[in-house]
N, C-alpha and C. Protein backbone atom coordinates (compact mmCIF):
# COMPACT_ATOMS: atom_id res chain seq x y z
N UNK A 1 -29.76 46.95 17.33
CA UNK A 1 -29.97 46.54 15.95
C UNK A 1 -28.62 46.17 15.31
N UNK A 2 -28.62 45.03 14.63
CA UNK A 2 -27.39 44.55 14.01
C UNK A 2 -27.17 45.26 12.68
N UNK A 3 -25.95 45.56 12.44
CA UNK A 3 -25.64 46.20 11.17
C UNK A 3 -25.54 45.13 10.09
N UNK A 4 -25.79 45.51 8.85
CA UNK A 4 -25.68 44.53 7.75
C UNK A 4 -24.28 43.90 7.68
N UNK A 5 -23.28 44.68 8.05
CA UNK A 5 -21.91 44.15 8.03
C UNK A 5 -21.77 42.99 9.01
N UNK A 6 -22.30 43.15 10.22
CA UNK A 6 -22.19 42.09 11.23
C UNK A 6 -22.98 40.85 10.81
N UNK A 7 -24.13 41.07 10.18
CA UNK A 7 -24.94 39.93 9.72
C UNK A 7 -24.17 39.16 8.66
N UNK A 8 -23.61 39.87 7.71
CA UNK A 8 -22.84 39.22 6.64
C UNK A 8 -21.60 38.52 7.21
N UNK A 9 -20.95 39.18 8.16
CA UNK A 9 -19.75 38.61 8.76
C UNK A 9 -20.09 37.33 9.52
N UNK A 10 -21.17 37.36 10.25
CA UNK A 10 -21.60 36.17 11.00
C UNK A 10 -21.93 35.02 10.05
N UNK A 11 -22.62 35.33 8.94
CA UNK A 11 -22.96 34.29 7.96
C UNK A 11 -21.69 33.72 7.32
N UNK A 12 -20.74 34.60 7.01
CA UNK A 12 -19.48 34.15 6.41
C UNK A 12 -18.71 33.27 7.40
N UNK A 13 -18.70 33.64 8.66
CA UNK A 13 -18.01 32.84 9.68
C UNK A 13 -18.66 31.47 9.81
N UNK A 14 -19.98 31.44 9.76
CA UNK A 14 -20.70 30.16 9.86
C UNK A 14 -20.36 29.27 8.66
N UNK A 15 -20.36 29.86 7.47
CA UNK A 15 -20.00 29.08 6.27
C UNK A 15 -18.58 28.55 6.38
N UNK A 16 -17.69 29.38 6.89
CA UNK A 16 -16.29 28.96 7.04
C UNK A 16 -16.17 27.79 8.02
N UNK A 17 -16.88 27.86 9.14
CA UNK A 17 -16.85 26.77 10.13
C UNK A 17 -17.42 25.49 9.53
N UNK A 18 -18.51 25.61 8.77
CA UNK A 18 -19.12 24.43 8.15
C UNK A 18 -18.18 23.82 7.11
N UNK A 19 -17.52 24.69 6.35
CA UNK A 19 -16.58 24.21 5.34
C UNK A 19 -15.41 23.49 6.00
N UNK A 20 -14.91 24.05 7.10
CA UNK A 20 -13.81 23.43 7.83
C UNK A 20 -14.23 22.08 8.39
N UNK A 21 -15.44 22.03 8.95
CA UNK A 21 -15.94 20.77 9.52
C UNK A 21 -16.09 19.71 8.42
N UNK A 22 -16.61 20.11 7.26
CA UNK A 22 -16.77 19.17 6.15
C UNK A 22 -15.42 18.68 5.65
N UNK A 23 -14.45 19.58 5.59
CA UNK A 23 -13.10 19.18 5.18
C UNK A 23 -12.52 18.16 6.15
N UNK A 24 -12.75 18.37 7.44
CA UNK A 24 -12.27 17.42 8.45
C UNK A 24 -12.94 16.06 8.29
N UNK A 25 -14.23 16.06 8.02
CA UNK A 25 -14.96 14.81 7.80
C UNK A 25 -14.40 14.09 6.58
N UNK A 26 -14.17 14.85 5.51
CA UNK A 26 -13.63 14.26 4.28
C UNK A 26 -12.24 13.67 4.50
N UNK A 27 -11.40 14.40 5.24
CA UNK A 27 -10.05 13.90 5.52
C UNK A 27 -10.08 12.65 6.38
N UNK A 28 -10.98 12.61 7.34
CA UNK A 28 -11.11 11.43 8.19
C UNK A 28 -11.53 10.22 7.37
N UNK A 29 -12.48 10.42 6.46
CA UNK A 29 -12.93 9.32 5.60
C UNK A 29 -11.80 8.86 4.68
N UNK A 30 -11.05 9.82 4.15
CA UNK A 30 -9.94 9.47 3.26
C UNK A 30 -8.87 8.71 4.04
N UNK A 31 -8.59 9.15 5.27
CA UNK A 31 -7.59 8.47 6.10
C UNK A 31 -8.02 7.04 6.40
N UNK A 32 -9.30 6.85 6.67
CA UNK A 32 -9.82 5.51 6.94
C UNK A 32 -9.67 4.63 5.71
N UNK A 33 -10.00 5.17 4.54
CA UNK A 33 -9.90 4.40 3.30
C UNK A 33 -8.45 4.05 2.99
N UNK A 34 -7.54 5.01 3.18
CA UNK A 34 -6.13 4.75 2.92
C UNK A 34 -5.57 3.70 3.88
N UNK A 35 -6.03 3.72 5.12
CA UNK A 35 -5.59 2.70 6.08
C UNK A 35 -6.05 1.32 5.65
N UNK A 36 -7.29 1.23 5.17
CA UNK A 36 -7.80 -0.05 4.69
C UNK A 36 -7.02 -0.51 3.46
N UNK A 37 -6.73 0.43 2.56
CA UNK A 37 -5.95 0.09 1.37
C UNK A 37 -4.56 -0.41 1.76
N UNK A 38 -3.94 0.25 2.74
CA UNK A 38 -2.61 -0.15 3.20
C UNK A 38 -2.64 -1.56 3.77
N UNK A 39 -3.65 -1.87 4.58
CA UNK A 39 -3.76 -3.22 5.14
C UNK A 39 -3.94 -4.25 4.04
N UNK A 40 -4.76 -3.92 3.05
CA UNK A 40 -4.97 -4.83 1.92
C UNK A 40 -3.67 -5.06 1.16
N UNK A 41 -2.92 -3.98 0.93
CA UNK A 41 -1.66 -4.11 0.20
C UNK A 41 -0.64 -4.93 0.98
N UNK A 42 -0.59 -4.75 2.31
CA UNK A 42 0.31 -5.57 3.11
C UNK A 42 -0.08 -7.04 3.04
N UNK A 43 -1.37 -7.32 3.02
CA UNK A 43 -1.82 -8.71 2.88
C UNK A 43 -1.40 -9.27 1.52
N UNK A 44 -1.51 -8.45 0.48
CA UNK A 44 -1.07 -8.88 -0.86
C UNK A 44 0.43 -9.15 -0.88
N UNK A 45 1.20 -8.29 -0.22
CA UNK A 45 2.65 -8.48 -0.16
C UNK A 45 2.97 -9.82 0.50
N UNK A 46 2.32 -10.10 1.61
CA UNK A 46 2.55 -11.35 2.32
C UNK A 46 2.21 -12.55 1.44
N UNK A 47 1.07 -12.47 0.76
CA UNK A 47 0.65 -13.56 -0.12
C UNK A 47 1.65 -13.76 -1.25
N UNK A 48 2.10 -12.67 -1.86
CA UNK A 48 3.05 -12.78 -2.97
C UNK A 48 4.41 -13.30 -2.50
N UNK A 49 4.86 -12.87 -1.33
CA UNK A 49 6.13 -13.38 -0.81
C UNK A 49 6.04 -14.88 -0.55
N UNK A 50 4.91 -15.32 0.00
CA UNK A 50 4.72 -16.75 0.24
C UNK A 50 4.69 -17.52 -1.07
N UNK A 51 4.07 -16.93 -2.09
CA UNK A 51 4.01 -17.59 -3.40
C UNK A 51 5.41 -17.70 -4.00
N UNK A 52 6.20 -16.64 -3.90
CA UNK A 52 7.57 -16.67 -4.41
C UNK A 52 8.37 -17.75 -3.69
N UNK A 53 8.25 -17.81 -2.37
CA UNK A 53 8.96 -18.82 -1.59
C UNK A 53 8.54 -20.22 -2.02
N UNK A 54 7.25 -20.42 -2.24
CA UNK A 54 6.75 -21.72 -2.67
C UNK A 54 7.30 -22.09 -4.04
N UNK A 55 7.32 -21.13 -4.96
CA UNK A 55 7.84 -21.39 -6.30
C UNK A 55 9.33 -21.69 -6.27
N UNK A 56 10.07 -20.96 -5.44
CA UNK A 56 11.51 -21.24 -5.33
C UNK A 56 11.74 -22.64 -4.76
N UNK A 57 10.94 -23.01 -3.80
CA UNK A 57 11.05 -24.35 -3.21
C UNK A 57 10.78 -25.41 -4.26
N UNK A 58 9.75 -25.19 -5.09
CA UNK A 58 9.43 -26.15 -6.15
C UNK A 58 10.59 -26.27 -7.14
N UNK A 59 11.20 -25.14 -7.46
CA UNK A 59 12.34 -25.18 -8.38
C UNK A 59 13.48 -25.98 -7.78
N UNK A 60 13.77 -25.73 -6.50
CA UNK A 60 14.87 -26.45 -5.85
C UNK A 60 14.58 -27.94 -5.74
N UNK A 61 13.31 -28.31 -5.61
CA UNK A 61 12.94 -29.73 -5.56
C UNK A 61 13.23 -30.41 -6.89
N UNK A 62 13.30 -29.62 -7.96
CA UNK A 62 13.59 -30.18 -9.28
C UNK A 62 15.05 -29.95 -9.66
N UNK A 63 15.88 -29.75 -8.65
CA UNK A 63 17.30 -29.50 -8.91
C UNK A 63 17.99 -30.66 -9.61
N UNK A 64 17.49 -31.86 -9.45
CA UNK A 64 18.10 -33.02 -10.08
C UNK A 64 17.66 -33.21 -11.52
N UNK A 65 16.70 -32.44 -11.96
CA UNK A 65 16.22 -32.57 -13.35
C UNK A 65 17.27 -32.03 -14.31
N UNK A 66 17.18 -32.47 -15.54
CA UNK A 66 18.13 -32.02 -16.55
C UNK A 66 17.59 -30.83 -17.35
N UNK A 67 16.62 -30.14 -16.81
CA UNK A 67 16.06 -28.98 -17.51
C UNK A 67 17.05 -27.82 -17.43
N UNK A 68 17.42 -27.30 -18.59
CA UNK A 68 18.41 -26.22 -18.64
C UNK A 68 17.92 -24.96 -17.94
N UNK A 69 16.64 -24.66 -18.07
CA UNK A 69 16.10 -23.45 -17.45
C UNK A 69 16.18 -23.53 -15.93
N UNK A 70 15.82 -24.68 -15.38
CA UNK A 70 15.88 -24.85 -13.92
C UNK A 70 17.32 -24.80 -13.45
N UNK A 71 18.20 -25.51 -14.14
CA UNK A 71 19.61 -25.51 -13.75
C UNK A 71 20.21 -24.11 -13.86
N UNK A 72 19.83 -23.39 -14.91
CA UNK A 72 20.31 -22.01 -15.07
C UNK A 72 19.82 -21.11 -13.95
N UNK A 73 18.57 -21.26 -13.58
CA UNK A 73 18.02 -20.46 -12.48
C UNK A 73 18.77 -20.76 -11.18
N UNK A 74 18.96 -22.03 -10.89
CA UNK A 74 19.65 -22.42 -9.65
C UNK A 74 21.08 -21.87 -9.64
N UNK A 75 21.75 -21.95 -10.78
CA UNK A 75 23.12 -21.43 -10.87
C UNK A 75 23.15 -19.92 -10.65
N UNK A 76 22.25 -19.20 -11.33
CA UNK A 76 22.20 -17.74 -11.17
C UNK A 76 21.88 -17.35 -9.74
N UNK A 77 20.93 -18.04 -9.14
CA UNK A 77 20.55 -17.74 -7.76
C UNK A 77 21.71 -18.00 -6.81
N UNK A 78 22.41 -19.10 -7.03
CA UNK A 78 23.57 -19.42 -6.18
C UNK A 78 24.65 -18.35 -6.35
N UNK A 79 24.87 -17.90 -7.58
CA UNK A 79 25.86 -16.84 -7.82
C UNK A 79 25.44 -15.53 -7.16
N UNK A 80 24.17 -15.20 -7.26
CA UNK A 80 23.66 -13.97 -6.63
C UNK A 80 23.85 -14.02 -5.11
N UNK A 81 23.58 -15.18 -4.53
CA UNK A 81 23.72 -15.32 -3.08
C UNK A 81 25.19 -15.21 -2.68
N UNK A 82 26.07 -15.87 -3.45
CA UNK A 82 27.49 -15.85 -3.09
C UNK A 82 28.10 -14.46 -3.29
N UNK A 83 27.69 -13.75 -4.32
CA UNK A 83 28.21 -12.41 -4.58
C UNK A 83 27.60 -11.41 -3.59
N UNK A 84 26.31 -11.53 -3.35
CA UNK A 84 25.62 -10.60 -2.46
C UNK A 84 25.87 -10.86 -1.00
N UNK A 85 26.24 -12.04 -0.61
CA UNK A 85 26.38 -12.34 0.81
C UNK A 85 27.71 -12.82 1.10
């Protein structure tokens, strides 16, 4: 005959195992979601870098224009490159 203590202990152990298993399932799902988020963010980074490159190219194509803003940008960028490199 099982003592009430052993019955309670067995039930508590079962609950603990179930809780651990559920925590593992939750962590696996969270890891999967974070991996998907990371891939999405890397895709966004690539898209934004390409957009920046395209915009810089467009600005340089207008280097002959007399627009003060474009000329100022080109001058600042050239200074940054010469100082930084």
